[in-house]
């Protein structure tokens, strides 16, 4: 389960740039892409973020229907 601080940071990044792939988020955080990908998937599972496949990439975003 992602930490509350990580969730806040990721949501902050997505508020500045609404659609990001996991590599961009990992780069901003200075973290390993594989770990960040796992955290993002957990955030999607918990309903904190939404994801959509675009080509070969998954694009993460904050959905208005996501829980706050």
PDB file of N, CA and C in Angstrom:
ATOM      1  N   UNK A   1       0.839  -1.179   0.000  1.00  0.00           N
ATOM      2  CA  UNK A   1       0.000   0.000   0.000  1.00  0.00           C
ATOM      3  C   UNK A   1       0.883   1.241   0.000  1.00  0.00           C
ATOM      4  N   UNK A   2       0.645   2.151  -0.940  1.00  0.00           N
ATOM      5  CA  UNK A   2       1.442   3.379  -0.989  1.00  0.00           C
ATOM      6  C   UNK A   2       1.233   4.235   0.253  1.00  0.00           C
ATOM      7  N   UNK A   3       2.266   4.928   0.655  1.00  0.00           N
ATOM      8  CA  UNK A   3       2.153   5.790   1.827  1.00  0.00           C
ATOM      9  C   UNK A   3       1.305   7.008   1.484  1.00  0.00           C
ATOM     10  N   UNK A   4       0.667   7.599   2.499  1.00  0.00           N
ATOM     11  CA  UNK A   4      -0.125   8.814   2.249  1.00  0.00           C
ATOM     12  C   UNK A   4       0.713   9.938   1.629  1.00  0.00           C
ATOM     13  N   UNK A   5       1.980  10.050   2.038  1.00  0.00           N
ATOM     14  CA  UNK A   5       2.840  11.104   1.496  1.00  0.00           C
ATOM     15  C   UNK A   5       3.094  10.874   0.001  1.00  0.00           C
ATOM     16  N   UNK A   6       3.345   9.632  -0.378  1.00  0.00           N
ATOM     17  CA  UNK A   6       3.570   9.315  -1.788  1.00  0.00           C
ATOM     18  C   UNK A   6       2.315   9.633  -2.597  1.00  0.00           C
ATOM     19  N   UNK A   7       1.165   9.286  -2.066  1.00  0.00           N
ATOM     20  CA  UNK A   7      -0.098   9.574  -2.743  1.00  0.00           C
ATOM     21  C   UNK A   7      -0.266  11.075  -2.955  1.00  0.00           C
ATOM     22  N   UNK A   8       0.033  11.865  -1.937  1.00  0.00           N
ATOM     23  CA  UNK A   8      -0.078  13.326  -2.062  1.00  0.00           C
ATOM     24  C   UNK A   8       0.875  13.869  -3.123  1.00  0.00           C
ATOM     25  N   UNK A   9       2.094  13.351  -3.151  1.00  0.00           N
ATOM     26  CA  UNK A   9       3.083  13.818  -4.127  1.00  0.00           C
ATOM     27  C   UNK A   9       2.638  13.457  -5.545  1.00  0.00           C
ATOM     28  N   UNK A  10       2.185  12.232  -5.739  1.00  0.00           N
ATOM     29  CA  UNK A  10       1.747  11.799  -7.067  1.00  0.00           C
ATOM     30  C   UNK A  10       0.536  12.613  -7.515  1.00  0.00           C
ATOM     31  N   UNK A  11      -0.419  12.829  -6.614  1.00  0.00           N
ATOM     32  CA  UNK A  11      -1.592  13.633  -6.968  1.00  0.00           C
ATOM     33  C   UNK A  11      -1.186  15.060  -7.303  1.00  0.00           C
ATOM     34  N   UNK A  12      -0.210  15.584  -6.584  1.00  0.00           N
ATOM     35  CA  UNK A  12       0.284  16.928  -6.869  1.00  0.00           C
ATOM     36  C   UNK A  12       0.893  16.997  -8.270  1.00  0.00           C
ATOM     37  N   UNK A  13       1.678  15.981  -8.630  1.00  0.00           N
ATOM     38  CA  UNK A  13       2.255  15.924  -9.982  1.00  0.00           C
ATOM     39  C   UNK A  13       1.165  15.876 -11.048  1.00  0.00           C
ATOM     40  N   UNK A  14       0.110  15.094 -10.770  1.00  0.00           N
ATOM     41  CA  UNK A  14      -0.962  14.939 -11.746  1.00  0.00           C
ATOM     42  C   UNK A  14      -1.870  16.166 -11.809  1.00  0.00           C
ATOM     43  N   UNK A  15      -1.884  16.979 -10.773  1.00  0.00           N
ATOM     44  CA  UNK A  15      -2.638  18.226 -10.837  1.00  0.00           C
ATOM     45  C   UNK A  15      -1.913  19.225 -11.734  1.00  0.00           C
ATOM     46  N   UNK A  16      -0.581  19.201 -11.714  1.00  0.00           N
ATOM     47  CA  UNK A  16       0.206  20.092 -12.571  1.00  0.00           C
ATOM     48  C   UNK A  16       0.166  19.632 -14.028  1.00  0.00           C
ATOM     49  N   UNK A  17       0.335  18.328 -14.219  1.00  0.00           N
ATOM     50  CA  UNK A  17       0.300  17.713 -15.550  1.00  0.00           C
ATOM     51  C   UNK A  17      -0.705  16.576 -15.478  1.00  0.00           C
ATOM     52  N   UNK A  18      -1.923  16.801 -15.985  1.00  0.00           N
ATOM     53  CA  UNK A  18      -3.026  15.855 -15.753  1.00  0.00           C
ATOM     54  C   UNK A  18      -2.829  14.412 -16.212  1.00  0.00           C
ATOM     55  N   UNK A  19      -2.007  14.154 -17.220  1.00  0.00           N
ATOM     56  CA  UNK A  19      -1.841  12.795 -17.730  1.00  0.00           C
ATOM     57  C   UNK A  19      -0.362  12.468 -17.810  1.00  0.00           C
ATOM     58  N   UNK A  20       0.062  11.464 -17.033  1.00  0.00           N
ATOM     59  CA  UNK A  20       1.474  11.070 -17.020  1.00  0.00           C
ATOM     60  C   UNK A  20       1.601   9.553 -17.091  1.00  0.00           C
ATOM     61  N   UNK A  21       2.679   9.089 -17.719  1.00  0.00           N
ATOM     62  CA  UNK A  21       2.992   7.661 -17.695  1.00  0.00           C
ATOM     63  C   UNK A  21       3.908   7.403 -16.504  1.00  0.00           C
ATOM     64  N   UNK A  22       4.038   6.137 -16.115  1.00  0.00           N
ATOM     65  CA  UNK A  22       4.793   5.807 -14.908  1.00  0.00           C
ATOM     66  C   UNK A  22       6.259   6.237 -14.993  1.00  0.00           C
ATOM     67  N   UNK A  23       6.834   6.220 -16.196  1.00  0.00           N
ATOM     68  CA  UNK A  23       8.238   6.629 -16.330  1.00  0.00           C
ATOM     69  C   UNK A  23       8.421   8.107 -15.991  1.00  0.00           C
ATOM     70  N   UNK A  24       7.465   8.937 -16.402  1.00  0.00           N
ATOM     71  CA  UNK A  24       7.542  10.369 -16.078  1.00  0.00           C
ATOM     72  C   UNK A  24       7.408  10.598 -14.576  1.00  0.00           C
ATOM     73  N   UNK A  25       6.508   9.859 -13.950  1.00  0.00           N
ATOM     74  CA  UNK A  25       6.306   9.996 -12.508  1.00  0.00           C
ATOM     75  C   UNK A  25       7.552   9.514 -11.768  1.00  0.00           C
ATOM     76  N   UNK A  26       8.120   8.395 -12.194  1.00  0.00           N
ATOM     77  CA  UNK A  26       9.337   7.868 -11.563  1.00  0.00           C
ATOM     78  C   UNK A  26      10.484   8.860 -11.696  1.00  0.00           C
ATOM     79  N   UNK A  27      10.598   9.464 -12.856  1.00  0.00           N
ATOM     80  CA  UNK A  27      11.653  10.446 -13.090  1.00  0.00           C
ATOM     81  C   UNK A  27      11.495  11.644 -12.144  1.00  0.00           C
ATOM     82  N   UNK A  28      10.274  12.139 -11.995  1.00  0.00           N
ATOM     83  CA  UNK A  28      10.006  13.265 -11.100  1.00  0.00           C
ATOM     84  C   UNK A  28      10.310  12.912  -9.640  1.00  0.00           C
ATOM     85  N   UNK A  29      10.007  11.675  -9.270  1.00  0.00           N
ATOM     86  CA  UNK A  29      10.223  11.227  -7.888  1.00  0.00           C
ATOM     87  C   UNK A  29      11.663  10.794  -7.635  1.00  0.00           C
ATOM     88  N   UNK A  30      12.405  10.504  -8.710  1.00  0.00           N
ATOM     89  CA  UNK A  30      13.764   9.993  -8.558  1.00  0.00           C
ATOM     90  C   UNK A  30      13.773   8.579  -8.001  1.00  0.00           C
ATOM     91  N   UNK A  31      12.769   7.797  -8.380  1.00  0.00           N
ATOM     92  CA  UNK A  31      12.614   6.423  -7.886  1.00  0.00           C
ATOM     93  C   UNK A  31      12.669   5.428  -9.037  1.00  0.00           C
ATOM     94  N   UNK A  32      12.824   4.156  -8.689  1.00  0.00           N
ATOM     95  CA  UNK A  32      12.854   3.056  -9.635  1.00  0.00           C
ATOM     96  C   UNK A  32      11.512   2.927 -10.357  1.00  0.00           C
ATOM     97  N   UNK A  33      11.562   2.779 -11.696  1.00  0.00           N
ATOM     98  CA  UNK A  33      10.338   2.698 -12.501  1.00  0.00           C
ATOM     99  C   UNK A  33       9.450   1.525 -12.096  1.00  0.00           C
ATOM    100  N   UNK A  34      10.047   0.391 -11.795  1.00  0.00           N
ATOM    101  CA  UNK A  34       9.262  -0.793 -11.443  1.00  0.00           C
ATOM    102  C   UNK A  34       8.509  -0.587 -10.123  1.00  0.00           C
ATOM    103  N   UNK A  35       9.192   0.007  -9.138  1.00  0.00           N
ATOM    104  CA  UNK A  35       8.530   0.273  -7.860  1.00  0.00           C
ATOM    105  C   UNK A  35       7.397   1.265  -8.019  1.00  0.00           C
ATOM    106  N   UNK A  36       7.655   2.321  -8.767  1.00  0.00           N
ATOM    107  CA  UNK A  36       6.630   3.344  -8.979  1.00  0.00           C
ATOM    108  C   UNK A  36       5.432   2.748  -9.709  1.00  0.00           C
ATOM    109  N   UNK A  37       5.691   1.899 -10.683  1.00  0.00           N
ATOM    110  CA  UNK A  37       4.610   1.247 -11.411  1.00  0.00           C
ATOM    111  C   UNK A  37       3.727   0.437 -10.462  1.00  0.00           C
ATOM    112  N   UNK A  38       4.351  -0.282  -9.542  1.00  0.00           N
ATOM    113  CA  UNK A  38       3.594  -1.055  -8.551  1.00  0.00           C
ATOM    114  C   UNK A  38       2.770  -0.170  -7.641  1.00  0.00           C
ATOM    115  N   UNK A  39       3.361   0.935  -7.196  1.00  0.00           N
ATOM    116  CA  UNK A  39       2.624   1.879  -6.351  1.00  0.00           C
ATOM    117  C   UNK A  39       1.441   2.480  -7.099  1.00  0.00           C
ATOM    118  N   UNK A  40       1.664   2.829  -8.364  1.00  0.00           N
ATOM    119  CA  UNK A  40       0.575   3.415  -9.149  1.00  0.00           C
ATOM    120  C   UNK A  40      -0.567   2.425  -9.339  1.00  0.00           C
ATOM    121  N   UNK A  41      -0.226   1.167  -9.594  1.00  0.00           N
ATOM    122  CA  UNK A  41      -1.275   0.153  -9.748  1.00  0.00           C
ATOM    123  C   UNK A  41      -2.063  -0.014  -8.449  1.00  0.00           C
ATOM    124  N   UNK A  42      -1.371   0.058  -7.316  1.00  0.00           N
ATOM    125  CA  UNK A  42      -2.056  -0.029  -6.021  1.00  0.00           C
ATOM    126  C   UNK A  42      -2.975   1.174  -5.835  1.00  0.00           C
ATOM    127  N   UNK A  43      -2.520   2.349  -6.244  1.00  0.00           N
ATOM    128  CA  UNK A  43      -3.354   3.552  -6.134  1.00  0.00           C
ATOM    129  C   UNK A  43      -4.605   3.431  -7.001  1.00  0.00           C
ATOM    130  N   UNK A  44      -4.454   2.806  -8.158  1.00  0.00           N
ATOM    131  CA  UNK A  44      -5.610   2.561  -9.025  1.00  0.00           C
ATOM    132  C   UNK A  44      -6.553   1.566  -8.350  1.00  0.00           C
ATOM    133  N   UNK A  45      -5.989   0.492  -7.795  1.00  0.00           N
ATOM    134  CA  UNK A  45      -6.801  -0.520  -7.115  1.00  0.00           C
ATOM    135  C   UNK A  45      -7.588   0.061  -5.948  1.00  0.00           C
ATOM    136  N   UNK A  46      -6.973   0.996  -5.214  1.00  0.00           N
ATOM    137  CA  UNK A  46      -7.635   1.627  -4.072  1.00  0.00           C
ATOM    138  C   UNK A  46      -8.579   2.746  -4.496  1.00  0.00           C
ATOM    139  N   UNK A  47      -8.616   3.079  -5.789  1.00  0.00           N
ATOM    140  CA  UNK A  47      -9.525   4.108  -6.279  1.00  0.00           C
ATOM    141  C   UNK A  47      -8.994   5.522  -6.140  1.00  0.00           C
ATOM    142  N   UNK A  48      -7.697   5.667  -5.865  1.00  0.00           N
ATOM    143  CA  UNK A  48      -7.112   6.998  -5.716  1.00  0.00           C
ATOM    144  C   UNK A  48      -6.776   7.628  -7.062  1.00  0.00           C
ATOM    145  N   UNK A  49      -6.460   6.810  -8.056  1.00  0.00           N
ATOM    146  CA  UNK A  49      -6.115   7.273  -9.395  1.00  0.00           C
ATOM    147  C   UNK A  49      -6.872   6.438 -10.417  1.00  0.00           C
ATOM    148  N   UNK A  50      -6.883   6.935 -11.654  1.00  0.00           N
ATOM    149  CA  UNK A  50      -7.446   6.181 -12.763  1.00  0.00           C
ATOM    150  C   UNK A  50      -6.348   5.965 -13.792  1.00  0.00           C
ATOM    151  N   UNK A  51      -6.542   4.971 -14.635  1.00  0.00           N
ATOM    152  CA  UNK A  51      -5.546   4.638 -15.651  1.00  0.00           C
ATOM    153  C   UNK A  51      -6.259   4.296 -16.943  1.00  0.00           C
ATOM    154  N   UNK A  52      -5.611   4.645 -18.049  1.00  0.00           N
ATOM    155  CA  UNK A  52      -6.141   4.302 -19.361  1.00  0.00           C
ATOM    156  C   UNK A  52      -4.967   3.893 -20.233  1.00  0.00           C
ATOM    157  N   UNK A  53      -5.151   2.845 -21.005  1.00  0.00           N
ATOM    158  CA  UNK A  53      -4.099   2.388 -21.908  1.00  0.00           C
ATOM    159  C   UNK A  53      -4.154   3.228 -23.178  1.00  0.00           C
ATOM    160  N   UNK A  54      -2.997   3.778 -23.540  1.00  0.00           N
ATOM    161  CA  UNK A  54      -2.847   4.548 -24.774  1.00  0.00           C
ATOM    162  C   UNK A  54      -1.656   3.945 -25.509  1.00  0.00           C
ATOM    163  N   UNK A  55      -1.944   3.216 -26.569  1.00  0.00           N
ATOM    164  CA  UNK A  55      -0.880   2.504 -27.278  1.00  0.00           C
ATOM    165  C   UNK A  55      -0.279   1.458 -26.358  1.00  0.00           C
ATOM    166  N   UNK A  56       1.028   1.472 -26.193  1.00  0.00           N
ATOM    167  CA  UNK A  56       1.715   0.524 -25.313  1.00  0.00           C
ATOM    168  C   UNK A  56       1.865   1.040 -23.890  1.00  0.00           C
ATOM    169  N   UNK A  57       1.417   2.253 -23.637  1.00  0.00           N
ATOM    170  CA  UNK A  57       1.619   2.871 -22.319  1.00  0.00           C
ATOM    171  C   UNK A  57       0.318   2.959 -21.535  1.00  0.00           C
ATOM    172  N   UNK A  58       0.470   3.030 -20.230  1.00  0.00           N
ATOM    173  CA  UNK A  58      -0.654   3.301 -19.349  1.00  0.00           C
ATOM    174  C   UNK A  58      -0.517   4.749 -18.891  1.00  0.00           C
ATOM    175  N   UNK A  59      -1.578   5.511 -19.060  1.00  0.00           N
ATOM    176  CA  UNK A  59      -1.578   6.909 -18.665  1.00  0.00           C
ATOM    177  C   UNK A  59      -2.386   7.032 -17.379  1.00  0.00           C
ATOM    178  N   UNK A  60      -1.773   7.626 -16.374  1.00  0.00           N
ATOM    179  CA  UNK A  60      -2.413   7.793 -15.068  1.00  0.00           C
ATOM    180  C   UNK A  60      -2.953   9.207 -14.941  1.00  0.00           C
ATOM    181  N   UNK A  61      -4.105   9.321 -14.280  1.00  0.00           N
ATOM    182  CA  UNK A  61      -4.735  10.620 -14.101  1.00  0.00           C
ATOM    183  C   UNK A  61      -5.655  10.580 -12.882  1.00  0.00           C
ATOM    184  N   UNK A  62      -6.043  11.771 -12.430  1.00  0.00           N
ATOM    185  CA  UNK A  62      -6.987  11.883 -11.327  1.00  0.00           C
ATOM    186  C   UNK A  62      -8.372  11.962 -11.941  1.00  0.00           C
ATOM    187  N   UNK A  63      -9.206  11.026 -11.604  1.00  0.00           N
ATOM    188  CA  UNK A  63     -10.576  10.987 -12.105  1.00  0.00           C
ATOM    189  C   UNK A  63     -11.467  11.668 -11.078  1.00  0.00           C
ATOM    190  N   UNK A  64     -12.394  12.468 -11.532  1.00  0.00           N
ATOM    191  CA  UNK A  64     -13.317  13.158 -10.603  1.00  0.00           C
ATOM    192  C   UNK A  64     -14.109  12.163  -9.773  1.00  0.00           C
ATOM    193  N   UNK A  65     -14.263  10.962 -10.299  1.00  0.00           N
ATOM    194  CA  UNK A  65     -14.992   9.933  -9.554  1.00  0.00           C
ATOM    195  C   UNK A  65     -14.115   9.224  -8.529  1.00  0.00           C
ATOM    196  N   UNK A  66     -12.780   9.495  -8.573  1.00  0.00           N
ATOM    197  CA  UNK A  66     -11.877   8.887  -7.601  1.00  0.00           C
ATOM    198  C   UNK A  66     -12.209   9.408  -6.216  1.00  0.00           C
ATOM    199  N   UNK A  67     -11.982   8.566  -5.219  1.00  0.00           N
ATOM    200  CA  UNK A  67     -12.235   9.041  -3.861  1.00  0.00           C
ATOM    201  C   UNK A  67     -11.200  10.091  -3.501  1.00  0.00           C
ATOM    202  N   UNK A  68     -11.532  10.978  -2.639  1.00  0.00           N
ATOM    203  CA  UNK A  68     -10.656  12.096  -2.262  1.00  0.00           C
ATOM    204  C   UNK A  68      -9.630  11.711  -1.251  1.00  0.00           C
TER     205      UNK A  68
END
